[in-house]
Amino acid sequence: MDPTILGNAKVAASLIADSVKSLVGLAAKLRKQPDDAAIHMQRALAEIGRTCQVMDDAIVSFAELIDDPSVGTIVRLRGGGLAKHVSDGLGHCHVVKNVYDRFLDKWFARVFGNANDYIQIKSIFDIFERGDKDLFYWIGKLAVELQNEATEILPLLRAGKSDLLRSRVWQVLDEIAPVQVEMNRITAELMSLKAELIATTRAIPPRP
């Protein structure tokens, strides 16, 4: 696999994971002034979570080649289906930006004022809004690389060269593992943040 794509995907995923972790640290302050914007914040962050999920699904499908793959897996890996599945499921930074501009910025300004926390949370969402050029872009490129590997490996399955096939699959999985570790870190941080946001929405006082 292309080391440049692997490296850039890892860096992009690591930056997002660190950013979400920082949001978790700020969430307690948001909970002190709950707002319906928390619901919209979950929707924006779902763009990132969905991207990690579709890429993880693609890696799992590819890894199934190690064992006796199902017909469904073979069909998905042939003809560009794997890359298309990821491309169709990638998040979109314009969704994040629209949510931030319409709902989140006013809430953050009210909670944090002009303090450093407001500057920090704004810079975090600036990172999220660059997703089409960073995380979403490089994950899309990575999916194409994985598709190309699958296309090259599938003839080994037909030829019954199982040992060579398994060796190639394991090599690719080892190469992609550092990116997968960072994506799993994003998912874990998103789960923590989701719990905070759910608590925030529950704290919204009932309307008269």
Protein backbone atom coordinates (compact mmCIF):
# COMPACT_ATOMS: atom_id res chain seq x y z
CA MET A 1 0.00 0.00 0.00
CA ASP A 2 1.10 3.56 -0.66
CA PRO A 3 3.08 4.70 2.40
CA THR A 4 2.16 8.35 1.78
CA ILE A 5 -1.55 7.57 1.92
CA LEU A 6 -1.08 5.38 5.01
CA GLY A 7 0.96 8.07 6.75
CA ASN A 8 -1.40 10.93 5.95
CA ALA A 9 -4.46 8.88 6.94
CA LYS A 10 -2.85 8.07 10.29
CA VAL A 11 -1.94 11.71 10.94
CA ALA A 12 -5.44 12.90 10.01
CA ALA A 13 -7.12 10.27 12.19
CA SER A 14 -4.81 11.03 15.13
CA LEU A 15 -5.60 14.75 14.88
CA ILE A 16 -9.34 14.06 14.93
CA ALA A 17 -9.00 11.66 17.88
CA ASP A 18 -7.06 14.27 19.87
CA SER A 19 -9.63 16.93 18.96
CA VAL A 20 -12.59 14.81 20.08
CA LYS A 21 -10.74 14.03 23.32
CA SER A 22 -10.36 17.76 23.92
CA LEU A 23 -14.09 18.20 23.37
CA VAL A 24 -14.77 15.57 26.02
CA GLY A 25 -12.73 17.69 28.43
CA LEU A 26 -14.88 20.74 27.69
CA ALA A 27 -18.22 18.94 27.76
CA ALA A 28 -18.70 19.29 31.54
CA LYS A 29 -18.83 23.07 31.15
CA LEU A 30 -21.39 22.78 28.38
CA ARG A 31 -23.54 20.62 30.62
CA LYS A 32 -23.78 23.48 33.11
CA GLN A 33 -25.66 25.50 30.48
CA PRO A 34 -27.60 22.83 28.56
CA ASP A 35 -29.08 23.69 25.21
CA ASP A 36 -30.92 21.97 22.36
CA ALA A 37 -27.76 22.61 20.35
CA ALA A 38 -26.32 19.49 22.01
CA ILE A 39 -28.64 17.39 19.85
CA HIS A 40 -27.33 19.05 16.71
CA MET A 41 -23.76 18.61 17.93
CA GLN A 42 -24.33 14.85 18.02
CA ARG A 43 -25.51 15.00 14.41
CA ALA A 44 -22.36 16.85 13.33
CA LEU A 45 -20.08 14.41 15.10
CA ALA A 46 -21.93 11.49 13.53
CA GLU A 47 -20.30 12.49 10.22
CA ILE A 48 -16.94 11.52 11.73
CA GLY A 49 -18.23 8.38 13.39
CA ARG A 50 -19.83 7.15 10.17
CA THR A 51 -16.56 7.59 8.30
CA CYS A 52 -14.70 5.43 10.81
CA GLN A 53 -17.43 2.79 10.74
CA VAL A 54 -17.53 2.34 6.95
CA MET A 55 -13.75 2.08 6.78
CA ASP A 56 -13.72 -0.45 9.60
CA ASP A 57 -16.39 -2.45 7.75
CA ALA A 58 -14.17 -2.42 4.65
CA ILE A 59 -11.16 -3.68 6.59
CA VAL A 60 -13.23 -6.48 8.12
CA SER A 61 -14.48 -7.51 4.67
CA PHE A 62 -10.92 -7.58 3.38
CA ALA A 63 -9.74 -9.58 6.40
CA GLU A 64 -12.37 -12.24 5.71
CA LEU A 65 -10.19 -13.38 2.82
CA ILE A 66 -7.95 -15.04 5.41
CA ASP A 67 -10.65 -17.61 6.12
CA ASP A 68 -13.22 -19.05 3.75
CA PRO A 69 -14.93 -15.86 2.53
CA SER A 70 -18.65 -15.78 1.86
CA VAL A 71 -20.07 -15.13 -1.59
CA GLY A 72 -21.24 -11.74 -0.30
CA THR A 73 -17.69 -10.79 0.68
CA ILE A 74 -16.30 -11.85 -2.69
CA VAL A 75 -18.94 -9.87 -4.55
CA ARG A 76 -18.30 -6.83 -2.36
CA LEU A 77 -14.57 -6.97 -3.02
CA ARG A 78 -14.90 -7.41 -6.77
CA GLY A 79 -15.54 -4.61 -9.22
CA GLY A 80 -14.80 -1.72 -6.85
CA GLY A 81 -17.61 -2.48 -4.41
CA LEU A 82 -15.45 -2.03 -1.34
CA ALA A 83 -14.19 1.42 -2.32
CA LYS A 84 -17.69 2.51 -3.37
CA HIS A 85 -19.13 1.41 -0.02
CA VAL A 86 -16.62 3.60 1.80
CA SER A 87 -17.05 6.52 -0.60
CA ASP A 88 -20.83 6.44 -0.18
CA GLY A 89 -20.50 6.41 3.61
CA LEU A 90 -17.90 9.13 4.10
CA GLY A 91 -18.89 12.12 6.20
CA HIS A 92 -19.18 15.63 4.77
CA CYS A 93 -17.54 18.65 6.34
CA HIS A 94 -20.23 21.02 5.03
CA VAL A 95 -22.71 19.27 7.34
CA VAL A 96 -20.40 19.94 10.30
CA LYS A 97 -19.97 23.58 9.25
CA ASN A 98 -23.70 24.16 8.80
CA VAL A 99 -24.46 22.74 12.25
CA TYR A 100 -21.69 24.78 13.84
CA ASP A 101 -22.75 28.04 12.22
CA ARG A 102 -26.50 27.59 12.87
CA PHE A 103 -26.55 26.06 16.33
CA LEU A 104 -23.23 25.55 18.07
CA ASP A 105 -21.33 28.83 17.85
CA LYS A 106 -24.00 30.78 19.77
CA TRP A 107 -24.12 28.11 22.47
CA PHE A 108 -20.35 27.98 22.82
CA ALA A 109 -20.10 31.79 22.95
CA ARG A 110 -22.70 31.91 25.71
CA VAL A 111 -20.98 29.19 27.76
CA PHE A 112 -17.37 30.23 27.30
CA GLY A 113 -17.58 33.92 26.41
CA ASN A 114 -14.29 35.14 24.99
CA ALA A 115 -12.23 32.83 27.17
CA ASN A 116 -9.52 30.50 25.88
CA ASP A 117 -11.99 27.61 25.99
CA TYR A 118 -14.10 29.30 23.33
CA ILE A 119 -11.04 29.79 21.12
CA GLN A 120 -10.10 26.14 21.66
CA ILE A 121 -13.50 24.72 20.82
CA LYS A 122 -13.76 26.93 17.75
CA SER A 123 -10.36 25.70 16.55
CA ILE A 124 -11.49 22.09 17.10
CA PHE A 125 -14.49 22.58 14.84
CA ASP A 126 -12.25 24.32 12.31
CA ILE A 127 -10.35 21.01 12.15
CA PHE A 128 -13.58 19.05 11.73
CA GLU A 129 -14.71 21.40 8.95
CA ARG A 130 -11.56 20.59 6.97
CA GLY A 131 -12.55 16.92 6.85
CA ASP A 132 -13.06 16.82 3.07
CA LYS A 133 -9.38 17.71 2.70
CA ASP A 134 -8.07 15.73 5.66
CA LEU A 135 -9.71 12.72 7.34
CA PHE A 136 -12.52 12.07 4.85
CA TYR A 137 -10.16 12.60 1.91
CA TRP A 138 -7.42 10.28 3.14
CA ILE A 139 -9.83 7.58 4.30
CA GLY A 140 -11.34 7.64 0.81
CA LYS A 141 -7.86 7.25 -0.69
CA LEU A 142 -7.11 4.43 1.74
CA ALA A 143 -10.27 2.62 0.70
CA VAL A 144 -9.15 2.77 -2.94
CA GLU A 145 -5.79 1.31 -1.93
CA LEU A 146 -7.55 -1.50 -0.06
CA GLN A 147 -9.78 -2.13 -3.07
CA ASN A 148 -6.74 -2.37 -5.33
CA GLU A 149 -5.14 -4.88 -2.97
CA ALA A 150 -8.33 -6.96 -2.96
CA THR A 151 -8.50 -6.90 -6.76
CA GLU A 152 -4.92 -8.22 -6.97
CA ILE A 153 -5.45 -10.87 -4.28
CA LEU A 154 -8.78 -12.34 -5.43
CA PRO A 155 -7.20 -14.35 -8.29
CA LEU A 156 -5.18 -16.20 -5.65
CA LEU A 157 -8.46 -17.31 -4.08
CA ARG A 158 -9.70 -18.70 -7.38
CA ALA A 159 -6.37 -20.43 -7.99
CA GLY A 160 -6.49 -22.09 -4.58
CA LYS A 161 -3.21 -20.49 -3.47
CA SER A 162 -4.44 -20.06 0.10
CA ASP A 163 -1.02 -19.74 1.75
CA LEU A 164 0.09 -16.94 -0.54
CA LEU A 165 -3.31 -15.27 -0.22
CA ARG A 166 -3.19 -15.30 3.57
CA SER A 167 0.35 -13.93 3.55
CA ARG A 168 -0.69 -11.01 1.33
CA VAL A 169 -3.78 -10.25 3.41
CA TRP A 170 -1.84 -10.25 6.66
CA GLN A 171 0.78 -7.95 5.13
CA VAL A 172 -1.90 -5.42 4.16
CA LEU A 173 -3.60 -5.67 7.57
CA ASP A 174 -0.27 -5.03 9.29
CA GLU A 175 0.32 -1.97 7.11
CA ILE A 176 -3.12 -0.52 7.77
CA ALA A 177 -3.16 -1.33 11.51
CA PRO A 178 -1.72 2.03 12.71
CA VAL A 179 -4.54 3.87 10.93
CA GLN A 180 -7.10 1.48 12.36
CA VAL A 181 -5.76 2.08 15.88
CA GLU A 182 -6.34 5.83 15.47
CA MET A 183 -9.82 5.29 14.03
CA ASN A 184 -10.69 3.09 16.99
CA ARG A 185 -9.45 5.87 19.24
CA ILE A 186 -11.78 8.30 17.47
CA THR A 187 -14.69 5.92 18.01
CA ALA A 188 -13.91 5.52 21.70
CA GLU A 189 -13.65 9.28 22.23
CA LEU A 190 -16.88 9.84 20.30
CA MET A 191 -18.66 7.37 22.58
CA SER A 192 -17.43 9.27 25.65
CA LEU A 193 -18.53 12.56 24.14
CA LYS A 194 -21.92 11.14 23.15
CA ALA A 195 -22.51 10.12 26.78
CA GLU A 196 -21.73 13.68 27.88
CA LEU A 197 -24.06 15.17 25.27
CA ILE A 198 -26.89 12.82 26.20
CA ALA A 199 -26.47 13.93 29.82
CA THR A 200 -26.55 17.52 28.61
CA THR A 201 -29.82 17.08 26.69
CA ARG A 202 -31.40 15.44 29.73
CA ALA A 203 -30.45 18.48 31.77
CA ILE A 204 -32.35 20.86 29.49
CA PRO A 205 -35.16 22.34 31.62
CA PRO A 206 -38.66 21.58 30.37
CA ARG A 207 -40.33 24.35 28.44
CA PRO A 208 -43.39 25.88 30.10
